[in-house]
Amino acid sequence: MGEYASRPAHVTAAESLAMNRVEVNVGSLIEFLYVDAGNLNPFRRVRPASFKQGGVDLIKYEGLVRDAAGTVLSVFG
């Protein structure tokens, strides 16, 4: 996983899983949650969804919902 120039959220989550001895293979579905999207430490931005502790970054999810709604509603002008 070290070949990435930036660290996308799914890559960070996959690395977290691997560090916790969870098998991750090419093509694995990586489910993750944003917990602090603005944090400089990528491992504090997201966590694998299977790690049950902690909350979520509601502001990040609000932005994602707004972006998605804007895309869907843009066809109506």
N, C-alpha and C. Protein backbone atom coordinates (compact mmCIF):
# COMPACT_ATOMS: atom_id res chain seq x y z
N MET A 1 0.81 -1.20 0.00
CA MET A 1 0.00 0.00 0.00
C MET A 1 0.85 1.26 0.00
N GLY A 2 2.16 1.12 0.01
CA GLY A 2 3.04 2.26 0.09
C GLY A 2 3.23 3.01 -1.20
N GLU A 3 2.59 2.59 -2.30
CA GLU A 3 2.80 3.24 -3.57
C GLU A 3 1.93 4.47 -3.80
N TYR A 4 1.09 4.84 -2.87
CA TYR A 4 0.21 6.00 -3.02
C TYR A 4 0.95 7.29 -2.65
N ALA A 5 0.82 8.33 -3.50
CA ALA A 5 1.43 9.63 -3.20
C ALA A 5 0.62 10.36 -2.13
N SER A 6 -0.70 10.24 -2.21
CA SER A 6 -1.57 10.78 -1.17
C SER A 6 -2.18 9.60 -0.43
N ARG A 7 -2.92 9.87 0.60
CA ARG A 7 -3.47 8.78 1.39
C ARG A 7 -5.00 8.88 1.39
N PRO A 8 -5.65 8.29 0.39
CA PRO A 8 -7.12 8.28 0.37
C PRO A 8 -7.67 7.57 1.60
N ALA A 9 -8.88 7.92 1.96
CA ALA A 9 -9.50 7.39 3.18
C ALA A 9 -9.56 5.86 3.17
N HIS A 10 -9.91 5.26 2.04
CA HIS A 10 -10.03 3.80 2.01
C HIS A 10 -8.67 3.12 2.18
N VAL A 11 -7.61 3.78 1.73
CA VAL A 11 -6.26 3.23 1.90
C VAL A 11 -5.86 3.27 3.38
N THR A 12 -6.13 4.39 4.02
CA THR A 12 -5.83 4.51 5.45
C THR A 12 -6.60 3.46 6.25
N ALA A 13 -7.87 3.27 5.92
CA ALA A 13 -8.67 2.27 6.62
C ALA A 13 -8.10 0.87 6.38
N ALA A 14 -7.69 0.58 5.15
CA ALA A 14 -7.09 -0.72 4.85
C ALA A 14 -5.80 -0.92 5.62
N GLU A 15 -4.99 0.12 5.72
CA GLU A 15 -3.75 0.02 6.50
C GLU A 15 -4.04 -0.21 7.97
N SER A 16 -5.08 0.45 8.49
CA SER A 16 -5.47 0.24 9.88
C SER A 16 -5.88 -1.21 10.12
N LEU A 17 -6.64 -1.75 9.18
CA LEU A 17 -7.04 -3.15 9.30
C LEU A 17 -5.82 -4.06 9.29
N ALA A 18 -4.91 -3.83 8.34
CA ALA A 18 -3.71 -4.66 8.24
C ALA A 18 -2.86 -4.58 9.50
N MET A 19 -2.75 -3.38 10.09
CA MET A 19 -1.97 -3.23 11.32
C MET A 19 -2.60 -3.98 12.48
N ASN A 20 -3.91 -4.25 12.37
CA ASN A 20 -4.61 -5.00 13.41
C ASN A 20 -4.82 -6.46 13.01
N ARG A 21 -3.97 -6.91 12.10
CA ARG A 21 -3.93 -8.31 11.67
C ARG A 21 -5.23 -8.80 11.02
N VAL A 22 -5.93 -7.88 10.35
CA VAL A 22 -7.10 -8.26 9.56
C VAL A 22 -6.61 -8.41 8.13
N GLU A 23 -6.92 -9.51 7.49
CA GLU A 23 -6.44 -9.76 6.14
C GLU A 23 -7.10 -8.81 5.14
N VAL A 24 -6.28 -8.12 4.38
CA VAL A 24 -6.75 -7.20 3.34
C VAL A 24 -6.04 -7.59 2.05
N ASN A 25 -6.82 -7.83 1.01
CA ASN A 25 -6.27 -8.23 -0.28
C ASN A 25 -6.67 -7.22 -1.34
N VAL A 26 -5.96 -7.27 -2.47
CA VAL A 26 -6.34 -6.44 -3.61
C VAL A 26 -7.79 -6.76 -3.97
N GLY A 27 -8.59 -5.74 -4.11
CA GLY A 27 -10.00 -5.94 -4.44
C GLY A 27 -10.90 -6.08 -3.23
N SER A 28 -10.34 -6.08 -2.03
CA SER A 28 -11.17 -6.17 -0.82
C SER A 28 -12.06 -4.95 -0.70
N LEU A 29 -13.26 -5.15 -0.25
CA LEU A 29 -14.17 -4.05 0.04
C LEU A 29 -13.77 -3.46 1.38
N ILE A 30 -13.42 -2.18 1.38
CA ILE A 30 -12.98 -1.52 2.61
C ILE A 30 -14.07 -0.54 3.04
N GLU A 31 -14.73 -0.85 4.12
CA GLU A 31 -15.76 0.04 4.66
C GLU A 31 -15.13 0.87 5.76
N PHE A 32 -15.38 2.18 5.73
CA PHE A 32 -14.77 3.07 6.72
C PHE A 32 -15.74 4.18 7.08
N LEU A 33 -15.44 4.84 8.19
CA LEU A 33 -16.22 5.98 8.66
C LEU A 33 -15.28 7.16 8.86
N TYR A 34 -15.74 8.34 8.48
CA TYR A 34 -14.98 9.55 8.81
C TYR A 34 -15.23 9.86 10.28
N VAL A 35 -14.14 10.07 11.04
CA VAL A 35 -14.28 10.39 12.45
C VAL A 35 -13.76 11.79 12.78
N ASP A 36 -12.84 12.30 11.97
CA ASP A 36 -12.30 13.66 12.14
C ASP A 36 -11.64 14.06 10.83
N ALA A 37 -12.46 14.38 9.83
CA ALA A 37 -11.98 14.57 8.46
C ALA A 37 -10.90 15.64 8.32
N GLY A 38 -10.83 16.59 9.21
CA GLY A 38 -9.85 17.66 9.11
C GLY A 38 -8.54 17.39 9.82
N ASN A 39 -8.42 16.26 10.47
CA ASN A 39 -7.21 15.95 11.23
C ASN A 39 -6.02 15.76 10.29
N LEU A 40 -4.86 16.27 10.68
CA LEU A 40 -3.66 16.12 9.86
C LEU A 40 -3.15 14.68 9.83
N ASN A 41 -3.44 13.92 10.87
CA ASN A 41 -3.03 12.52 10.94
C ASN A 41 -4.08 11.68 10.21
N PRO A 42 -3.71 11.04 9.10
CA PRO A 42 -4.70 10.28 8.34
C PRO A 42 -5.36 9.16 9.14
N PHE A 43 -4.65 8.61 10.12
CA PHE A 43 -5.23 7.54 10.93
C PHE A 43 -6.23 8.06 11.96
N ARG A 44 -6.30 9.37 12.12
CA ARG A 44 -7.32 9.96 12.99
C ARG A 44 -8.48 10.53 12.18
N ARG A 45 -8.35 10.54 10.84
CA ARG A 45 -9.44 11.02 9.97
C ARG A 45 -10.53 9.98 9.80
N VAL A 46 -10.11 8.74 9.63
CA VAL A 46 -11.06 7.66 9.35
C VAL A 46 -10.74 6.46 10.23
N ARG A 47 -11.72 5.56 10.33
CA ARG A 47 -11.49 4.28 10.99
C ARG A 47 -12.29 3.23 10.22
N PRO A 48 -11.78 2.03 10.20
CA PRO A 48 -12.56 0.96 9.57
C PRO A 48 -13.92 0.83 10.25
N ALA A 49 -14.95 0.58 9.46
CA ALA A 49 -16.30 0.47 10.01
C ALA A 49 -16.42 -0.67 11.01
N SER A 50 -15.58 -1.68 10.87
CA SER A 50 -15.65 -2.82 11.79
C SER A 50 -15.11 -2.49 13.17
N PHE A 51 -14.39 -1.39 13.30
CA PHE A 51 -13.92 -0.94 14.61
C PHE A 51 -15.06 -0.14 15.23
N LYS A 52 -15.72 -0.68 16.20
CA LYS A 52 -16.98 -0.13 16.69
C LYS A 52 -16.86 1.09 17.59
N GLN A 53 -15.69 1.36 18.14
CA GLN A 53 -15.55 2.47 19.09
C GLN A 53 -15.55 3.82 18.38
N GLY A 54 -15.96 4.86 19.10
CA GLY A 54 -15.87 6.22 18.60
C GLY A 54 -17.10 6.67 17.84
N GLY A 55 -17.14 7.99 17.64
CA GLY A 55 -18.24 8.59 16.92
C GLY A 55 -17.87 8.81 15.47
N VAL A 56 -18.65 9.66 14.82
CA VAL A 56 -18.40 9.99 13.42
C VAL A 56 -18.35 11.51 13.25
N ASP A 57 -17.80 11.96 12.15
CA ASP A 57 -17.68 13.38 11.83
C ASP A 57 -18.95 13.82 11.11
N LEU A 58 -19.93 14.29 11.88
CA LEU A 58 -21.22 14.66 11.30
C LEU A 58 -21.11 15.80 10.30
N ILE A 59 -20.20 16.71 10.51
CA ILE A 59 -20.02 17.83 9.57
C ILE A 59 -19.55 17.30 8.22
N LYS A 60 -18.63 16.33 8.21
CA LYS A 60 -18.16 15.73 6.97
C LYS A 60 -19.31 15.06 6.24
N TYR A 61 -20.12 14.30 6.97
CA TYR A 61 -21.24 13.60 6.34
C TYR A 61 -22.30 14.57 5.85
N GLU A 62 -22.50 15.67 6.55
CA GLU A 62 -23.44 16.69 6.07
C GLU A 62 -22.97 17.23 4.72
N GLY A 63 -21.68 17.50 4.60
CA GLY A 63 -21.12 17.97 3.34
C GLY A 63 -21.27 16.96 2.22
N LEU A 64 -21.05 15.69 2.53
CA LEU A 64 -21.21 14.64 1.53
C LEU A 64 -22.65 14.54 1.04
N VAL A 65 -23.60 14.65 1.98
CA VAL A 65 -25.02 14.60 1.61
C VAL A 65 -25.39 15.81 0.76
N ARG A 66 -24.90 16.99 1.13
CA ARG A 66 -25.17 18.20 0.33
C ARG A 66 -24.61 18.06 -1.08
N ASP A 67 -23.39 17.55 -1.19
CA ASP A 67 -22.78 17.35 -2.51
C ASP A 67 -23.60 16.37 -3.35
N ALA A 68 -24.01 15.26 -2.74
CA ALA A 68 -24.79 14.28 -3.46
C ALA A 68 -26.14 14.84 -3.88
N ALA A 69 -26.80 15.58 -2.98
CA ALA A 69 -28.09 16.17 -3.31
C ALA A 69 -27.94 17.18 -4.44
N GLY A 70 -26.88 17.97 -4.41
CA GLY A 70 -26.64 18.93 -5.48
C GLY A 70 -26.47 18.26 -6.82
N THR A 71 -25.77 17.14 -6.82
CA THR A 71 -25.57 16.39 -8.07
C THR A 71 -26.89 15.83 -8.59
N VAL A 72 -27.66 15.22 -7.72
CA VAL A 72 -28.93 14.63 -8.12
C VAL A 72 -29.92 15.70 -8.58
N LEU A 73 -30.00 16.79 -7.83
CA LEU A 73 -30.98 17.82 -8.14
C LEU A 73 -30.55 18.72 -9.29
N SER A 74 -29.29 18.70 -9.70
CA SER A 74 -28.82 19.58 -10.75
C SER A 74 -29.50 19.30 -12.09
N VAL A 75 -30.00 18.10 -12.28
CA VAL A 75 -30.69 17.78 -13.54
C VAL A 75 -32.00 18.56 -13.68
N PHE A 76 -32.51 19.09 -12.59
CA PHE A 76 -33.75 19.86 -12.62
C PHE A 76 -33.51 21.35 -12.77
N GLY A 77 -32.24 21.72 -12.89
CA GLY A 77 -31.89 23.13 -13.09
C GLY A 77 -31.84 23.84 -11.81
